[in-house]
Amino acid sequence: QVQLVESGGGLVQAGGSLRLSCAASERTFSSYVMGWFRQAPGKERDYVTAITWSGGNTYYADSVKGRFTISRDNAKNTVYLQMNSLKPEDTAVYYCAARRSNRALTSTLYDYWGQGTQVTVSS
């Protein structure tokens, strides 16, 4: 099965930047969608962004448009989340997820999940 490993989380001051990485074990991602979710303590999981592996079509939540950028490196089976102009409200555990592209890009029904990486933004 698909294995996903996130990295790149940490502590950053407001206005700073971080880049998260998600390494995938499979090379069959031409038919997959890769997404990033986040969940703060006591809050529901939020759908942050997604990208189709082959075509590069993207989705962004309104809360991160203009600040976050999702990208992928097909040769490395890796997707990235570049986070700029970070705000304290961006603090959360960020999860990488994957699914087959058999639903709309806005669908939150994903099949595979990483362990998560903590992002903390201080004031």
N, C-alpha and C. Protein backbone atom coordinates (compact mmCIF):
# COMPACT_ATOMS: atom_id res chain seq x y z
N GLN A 1 0.83 -1.19 0.00
CA GLN A 1 0.00 0.00 0.00
C GLN A 1 0.87 1.24 0.00
N VAL A 2 0.25 2.37 -0.30
CA VAL A 2 0.97 3.62 -0.37
C VAL A 2 1.40 4.06 1.02
N GLN A 3 2.67 4.43 1.15
CA GLN A 3 3.21 4.97 2.38
C GLN A 3 3.58 6.44 2.17
N LEU A 4 3.21 7.28 3.12
CA LEU A 4 3.47 8.70 3.03
C LEU A 4 4.21 9.16 4.27
N VAL A 5 5.26 9.95 4.08
CA VAL A 5 6.07 10.44 5.18
C VAL A 5 6.24 11.94 5.03
N GLU A 6 5.75 12.70 6.01
CA GLU A 6 5.88 14.15 6.00
C GLU A 6 7.14 14.57 6.75
N SER A 7 7.65 15.73 6.37
CA SER A 7 8.78 16.32 7.07
C SER A 7 8.77 17.82 6.83
N GLY A 8 9.54 18.54 7.62
CA GLY A 8 9.71 19.97 7.42
C GLY A 8 8.99 20.85 8.40
N GLY A 9 8.20 20.27 9.30
CA GLY A 9 7.51 21.08 10.28
C GLY A 9 8.47 21.65 11.30
N GLY A 10 7.97 22.59 12.09
CA GLY A 10 8.79 23.21 13.10
C GLY A 10 8.16 24.46 13.65
N LEU A 11 8.97 25.24 14.32
CA LEU A 11 8.54 26.49 14.94
C LEU A 11 9.05 27.67 14.12
N VAL A 12 8.16 28.60 13.84
CA VAL A 12 8.52 29.77 13.05
C VAL A 12 7.74 30.97 13.57
N GLN A 13 8.32 32.14 13.45
CA GLN A 13 7.64 33.36 13.86
C GLN A 13 6.64 33.79 12.79
N ALA A 14 5.63 34.51 13.23
CA ALA A 14 4.65 35.05 12.30
C ALA A 14 5.34 35.84 11.20
N GLY A 15 4.89 35.63 9.98
CA GLY A 15 5.49 36.26 8.83
C GLY A 15 6.59 35.45 8.18
N GLY A 16 7.01 34.39 8.84
CA GLY A 16 8.06 33.54 8.32
C GLY A 16 7.54 32.49 7.36
N SER A 17 8.44 31.60 6.97
CA SER A 17 8.12 30.59 5.96
C SER A 17 8.61 29.22 6.39
N LEU A 18 7.92 28.20 5.90
CA LEU A 18 8.33 26.81 6.05
C LEU A 18 7.98 26.07 4.77
N ARG A 19 8.72 25.01 4.49
CA ARG A 19 8.39 24.14 3.38
C ARG A 19 8.23 22.72 3.91
N LEU A 20 7.06 22.16 3.71
CA LEU A 20 6.78 20.79 4.09
C LEU A 20 6.99 19.87 2.89
N SER A 21 7.45 18.66 3.18
CA SER A 21 7.64 17.66 2.14
C SER A 21 6.84 16.42 2.48
N CYS A 22 6.39 15.73 1.46
CA CYS A 22 5.69 14.46 1.61
C CYS A 22 6.25 13.49 0.60
N ALA A 23 6.95 12.48 1.08
CA ALA A 23 7.54 11.47 0.22
C ALA A 23 6.61 10.26 0.14
N ALA A 24 6.32 9.84 -1.07
CA ALA A 24 5.41 8.72 -1.31
C ALA A 24 6.19 7.50 -1.77
N SER A 25 5.70 6.33 -1.38
CA SER A 25 6.40 5.09 -1.68
C SER A 25 6.13 4.54 -3.06
N GLU A 26 5.04 4.95 -3.67
CA GLU A 26 4.62 4.40 -4.95
C GLU A 26 4.98 5.33 -6.09
N ARG A 27 5.07 4.73 -7.29
CA ARG A 27 5.32 5.49 -8.50
C ARG A 27 4.14 5.46 -9.45
N THR A 28 2.99 5.08 -8.93
CA THR A 28 1.78 5.00 -9.74
C THR A 28 0.90 6.23 -9.53
N PHE A 29 1.52 7.35 -9.31
CA PHE A 29 0.77 8.54 -8.93
C PHE A 29 0.25 9.35 -10.10
N SER A 30 0.44 8.86 -11.30
CA SER A 30 -0.17 9.54 -12.44
C SER A 30 -1.69 9.52 -12.33
N SER A 31 -2.22 8.57 -11.57
CA SER A 31 -3.66 8.46 -11.37
C SER A 31 -4.09 8.89 -9.98
N TYR A 32 -3.24 9.61 -9.27
CA TYR A 32 -3.50 9.97 -7.89
C TYR A 32 -3.66 11.48 -7.71
N VAL A 33 -4.33 11.82 -6.63
CA VAL A 33 -4.42 13.18 -6.14
C VAL A 33 -3.70 13.24 -4.80
N MET A 34 -2.87 14.25 -4.60
CA MET A 34 -2.16 14.45 -3.35
C MET A 34 -2.70 15.69 -2.66
N GLY A 35 -2.97 15.57 -1.38
CA GLY A 35 -3.54 16.67 -0.64
C GLY A 35 -2.82 16.93 0.67
N TRP A 36 -3.02 18.14 1.18
CA TRP A 36 -2.55 18.53 2.50
C TRP A 36 -3.75 18.94 3.34
N PHE A 37 -3.81 18.40 4.55
CA PHE A 37 -4.81 18.76 5.54
C PHE A 37 -4.11 19.29 6.77
N ARG A 38 -4.86 19.97 7.62
CA ARG A 38 -4.31 20.39 8.89
C ARG A 38 -5.39 20.33 9.96
N GLN A 39 -4.94 20.10 11.19
CA GLN A 39 -5.86 20.01 12.30
C GLN A 39 -5.21 20.61 13.55
N ALA A 40 -5.87 21.61 14.09
CA ALA A 40 -5.43 22.23 15.33
C ALA A 40 -6.12 21.53 16.50
N PRO A 41 -5.53 21.60 17.70
CA PRO A 41 -6.14 20.95 18.86
C PRO A 41 -7.57 21.42 19.09
N GLY A 42 -8.48 20.48 19.25
CA GLY A 42 -9.87 20.80 19.49
C GLY A 42 -10.63 21.28 18.28
N LYS A 43 -10.02 21.28 17.12
CA LYS A 43 -10.65 21.76 15.89
C LYS A 43 -10.85 20.62 14.92
N GLU A 44 -11.75 20.83 13.97
CA GLU A 44 -11.96 19.86 12.92
C GLU A 44 -10.84 19.93 11.90
N ARG A 45 -10.67 18.84 11.18
CA ARG A 45 -9.67 18.78 10.14
C ARG A 45 -10.04 19.71 8.98
N ASP A 46 -9.09 20.47 8.49
CA ASP A 46 -9.30 21.38 7.38
C ASP A 46 -8.57 20.89 6.13
N TYR A 47 -9.22 21.05 5.02
CA TYR A 47 -8.63 20.73 3.71
C TYR A 47 -7.87 21.97 3.25
N VAL A 48 -6.57 21.85 3.09
CA VAL A 48 -5.73 23.01 2.80
C VAL A 48 -5.50 23.18 1.31
N THR A 49 -5.02 22.13 0.67
CA THR A 49 -4.64 22.23 -0.74
C THR A 49 -4.50 20.84 -1.32
N ALA A 50 -4.51 20.75 -2.64
CA ALA A 50 -4.35 19.47 -3.32
C ALA A 50 -3.81 19.70 -4.72
N ILE A 51 -3.23 18.65 -5.28
CA ILE A 51 -2.69 18.71 -6.63
C ILE A 51 -2.84 17.35 -7.28
N THR A 52 -3.16 17.35 -8.57
CA THR A 52 -3.17 16.10 -9.32
C THR A 52 -1.74 15.76 -9.70
N TRP A 53 -1.39 14.49 -9.58
CA TRP A 53 0.00 14.10 -9.78
C TRP A 53 0.46 14.33 -11.21
N SER A 54 -0.37 13.98 -12.16
CA SER A 54 0.04 14.06 -13.56
C SER A 54 -0.16 15.43 -14.18
N GLY A 55 -1.31 16.04 -13.94
CA GLY A 55 -1.63 17.27 -14.62
C GLY A 55 -1.26 18.55 -13.88
N GLY A 56 -1.08 18.46 -12.56
CA GLY A 56 -0.72 19.63 -11.80
C GLY A 56 -1.86 20.58 -11.50
N ASN A 57 -3.09 20.14 -11.69
CA ASN A 57 -4.23 20.97 -11.29
C ASN A 57 -4.25 21.11 -9.78
N THR A 58 -4.61 22.29 -9.30
CA THR A 58 -4.51 22.57 -7.88
C THR A 58 -5.81 23.09 -7.30
N TYR A 59 -5.94 22.89 -6.00
CA TYR A 59 -7.00 23.45 -5.20
C TYR A 59 -6.37 24.12 -3.98
N TYR A 60 -6.90 25.28 -3.60
CA TYR A 60 -6.46 25.95 -2.38
C TYR A 60 -7.66 26.41 -1.58
N ALA A 61 -7.60 26.19 -0.29
CA ALA A 61 -8.59 26.79 0.59
C ALA A 61 -8.42 28.30 0.59
N ASP A 62 -9.52 29.01 0.76
CA ASP A 62 -9.46 30.47 0.74
C ASP A 62 -8.49 31.02 1.78
N SER A 63 -8.37 30.34 2.90
CA SER A 63 -7.55 30.83 3.99
C SER A 63 -6.06 30.84 3.68
N VAL A 64 -5.64 30.11 2.64
CA VAL A 64 -4.21 30.03 2.33
C VAL A 64 -3.87 30.54 0.94
N LYS A 65 -4.85 30.94 0.17
CA LYS A 65 -4.59 31.44 -1.17
C LYS A 65 -3.67 32.65 -1.12
N GLY A 66 -2.69 32.65 -1.99
CA GLY A 66 -1.72 33.73 -2.03
C GLY A 66 -0.58 33.58 -1.07
N ARG A 67 -0.66 32.63 -0.14
CA ARG A 67 0.40 32.42 0.84
C ARG A 67 1.04 31.04 0.72
N PHE A 68 0.24 30.03 0.42
CA PHE A 68 0.74 28.65 0.31
C PHE A 68 0.79 28.23 -1.14
N THR A 69 1.75 27.39 -1.47
CA THR A 69 1.87 26.85 -2.81
C THR A 69 2.17 25.36 -2.72
N ILE A 70 1.37 24.56 -3.41
CA ILE A 70 1.62 23.13 -3.48
C ILE A 70 2.31 22.82 -4.80
N SER A 71 3.25 21.90 -4.77
CA SER A 71 3.95 21.49 -5.97
C SER A 71 4.38 20.04 -5.82
N ARG A 72 4.85 19.48 -6.93
CA ARG A 72 5.31 18.09 -6.85
C ARG A 72 6.53 17.89 -7.74
N ASP A 73 7.34 16.93 -7.35
CA ASP A 73 8.49 16.49 -8.11
C ASP A 73 8.26 15.03 -8.44
N ASN A 74 7.82 14.76 -9.65
CA ASN A 74 7.44 13.41 -10.02
C ASN A 74 8.61 12.43 -9.93
N ALA A 75 9.80 12.89 -10.28
CA ALA A 75 10.97 12.01 -10.24
C ALA A 75 11.30 11.56 -8.83
N LYS A 76 10.97 12.37 -7.84
CA LYS A 76 11.26 12.04 -6.45
C LYS A 76 10.06 11.50 -5.70
N ASN A 77 8.93 11.37 -6.38
CA ASN A 77 7.69 10.94 -5.73
C ASN A 77 7.40 11.77 -4.48
N THR A 78 7.56 13.07 -4.61
CA THR A 78 7.45 13.96 -3.48
C THR A 78 6.57 15.16 -3.82
N VAL A 79 5.73 15.54 -2.88
CA VAL A 79 4.97 16.77 -2.99
C VAL A 79 5.43 17.73 -1.90
N TYR A 80 5.29 19.01 -2.17
CA TYR A 80 5.77 20.04 -1.28
C TYR A 80 4.64 21.02 -0.96
N LEU A 81 4.74 21.60 0.20
CA LEU A 81 3.85 22.68 0.58
C LEU A 81 4.72 23.84 1.05
N GLN A 82 4.85 24.86 0.21
CA GLN A 82 5.58 26.06 0.56
C GLN A 82 4.62 27.01 1.26
N MET A 83 4.94 27.36 2.49
CA MET A 83 4.08 28.19 3.31
C MET A 83 4.80 29.49 3.61
N ASN A 84 4.26 30.58 3.11
CA ASN A 84 4.82 31.91 3.33
C ASN A 84 3.85 32.77 4.12
N SER A 85 4.36 33.84 4.67
CA SER A 85 3.55 34.79 5.44
C SER A 85 2.71 34.06 6.49
N LEU A 86 3.35 33.20 7.24
CA LEU A 86 2.64 32.37 8.20
C LEU A 86 2.02 33.20 9.31
N LYS A 87 0.87 32.74 9.76
CA LYS A 87 0.11 33.39 10.82
C LYS A 87 -0.06 32.43 11.98
N PRO A 88 -0.27 32.94 13.19
CA PRO A 88 -0.50 32.04 14.32
C PRO A 88 -1.65 31.06 14.08
N GLU A 89 -2.67 31.47 13.36
CA GLU A 89 -3.80 30.59 13.09
C GLU A 89 -3.45 29.46 12.13
N ASP A 90 -2.27 29.48 11.54
CA ASP A 90 -1.80 28.36 10.73
C ASP A 90 -1.25 27.22 11.58
N THR A 91 -1.10 27.44 12.88
CA THR A 91 -0.57 26.42 13.77
C THR A 91 -1.48 25.19 13.77
N ALA A 92 -0.90 24.04 13.49
CA ALA A 92 -1.66 22.80 13.39
C ALA A 92 -0.71 21.66 13.09
N VAL A 93 -1.23 20.44 13.19
CA VAL A 93 -0.55 19.29 12.63
C VAL A 93 -0.96 19.18 11.17
N TYR A 94 0.01 19.12 10.29
CA TYR A 94 -0.24 19.05 8.86
C TYR A 94 -0.06 17.62 8.38
N TYR A 95 -1.05 17.13 7.65
CA TYR A 95 -1.06 15.76 7.16
C TYR A 95 -1.04 15.73 5.64
N CYS A 96 -0.21 14.89 5.11
CA CYS A 96 -0.22 14.58 3.70
C CYS A 96 -1.16 13.42 3.45
N ALA A 97 -1.87 13.44 2.34
CA ALA A 97 -2.81 12.38 2.03
C ALA A 97 -2.81 12.11 0.53
N ALA A 98 -3.28 10.92 0.16
CA ALA A 98 -3.31 10.52 -1.24
C ALA A 98 -4.57 9.72 -1.53
N ARG A 99 -5.04 9.82 -2.75
CA ARG A 99 -6.16 9.03 -3.20
C ARG A 99 -6.10 8.90 -4.71
N ARG A 100 -6.81 7.92 -5.21
CA ARG A 100 -6.95 7.81 -6.65
C ARG A 100 -7.83 8.93 -7.16
N SER A 101 -7.60 9.35 -8.38
CA SER A 101 -8.31 10.49 -8.94
C SER A 101 -9.63 10.05 -9.56
N ASN A 102 -10.46 9.47 -8.73
CA ASN A 102 -11.77 9.01 -9.18
C ASN A 102 -12.90 9.85 -8.59
N ARG A 103 -12.56 10.98 -7.99
CA ARG A 103 -13.52 11.91 -7.46
C ARG A 103 -13.06 13.33 -7.77
N ALA A 104 -13.92 14.28 -7.52
CA ALA A 104 -13.59 15.67 -7.77
C ALA A 104 -12.41 16.11 -6.91
N LEU A 105 -11.67 17.09 -7.42
CA LEU A 105 -10.50 17.58 -6.70
C LEU A 105 -10.85 18.14 -5.33
N THR A 106 -12.06 18.61 -5.19
CA THR A 106 -12.50 19.16 -3.91
C THR A 106 -12.92 18.10 -2.90
N SER A 107 -12.98 16.84 -3.29
CA SER A 107 -13.36 15.78 -2.38
C SER A 107 -12.34 15.61 -1.27
N THR A 108 -12.81 15.39 -0.05
CA THR A 108 -11.93 15.16 1.09
C THR A 108 -11.82 13.69 1.47
N LEU A 109 -12.33 12.81 0.65
CA LEU A 109 -12.30 11.37 0.92
C LEU A 109 -11.01 10.78 0.39
N TYR A 110 -10.00 10.76 1.22
CA TYR A 110 -8.69 10.26 0.85
C TYR A 110 -8.46 8.87 1.43
N ASP A 111 -7.60 8.11 0.77
CA ASP A 111 -7.38 6.71 1.11
C ASP A 111 -6.15 6.46 1.96
N TYR A 112 -5.12 7.25 1.80
CA TYR A 112 -3.85 7.05 2.48
C TYR A 112 -3.42 8.32 3.19
N TRP A 113 -2.86 8.16 4.37
CA TRP A 113 -2.49 9.31 5.20
C TRP A 113 -1.11 9.14 5.80
N GLY A 114 -0.39 10.24 5.90
CA GLY A 114 0.87 10.25 6.60
C GLY A 114 0.68 10.43 8.09
N GLN A 115 1.78 10.45 8.82
CA GLN A 115 1.74 10.55 10.27
C GLN A 115 1.52 11.97 10.77
N GLY A 116 1.79 12.94 9.95
CA GLY A 116 1.62 14.33 10.33
C GLY A 116 2.92 14.98 10.79
N THR A 117 2.99 16.28 10.62
CA THR A 117 4.13 17.05 11.09
C THR A 117 3.62 18.35 11.71
N GLN A 118 4.17 18.70 12.86
CA GLN A 118 3.68 19.85 13.62
C GLN A 118 4.26 21.13 13.06
N VAL A 119 3.38 22.10 12.85
CA VAL A 119 3.77 23.45 12.47
C VAL A 119 3.26 24.39 13.55
N THR A 120 4.15 25.16 14.13
CA THR A 120 3.79 26.11 15.17
C THR A 120 4.27 27.49 14.77
N VAL A 121 3.36 28.44 14.74
CA VAL A 121 3.67 29.81 14.36
C VAL A 121 3.47 30.69 15.58
N SER A 122 4.52 31.33 16.02
CA SER A 122 4.47 32.18 17.20
C SER A 122 4.15 33.62 16.81
N SER A 123 3.60 34.36 17.77
CA SER A 123 3.23 35.75 17.53
C SER A 123 4.46 36.64 17.46
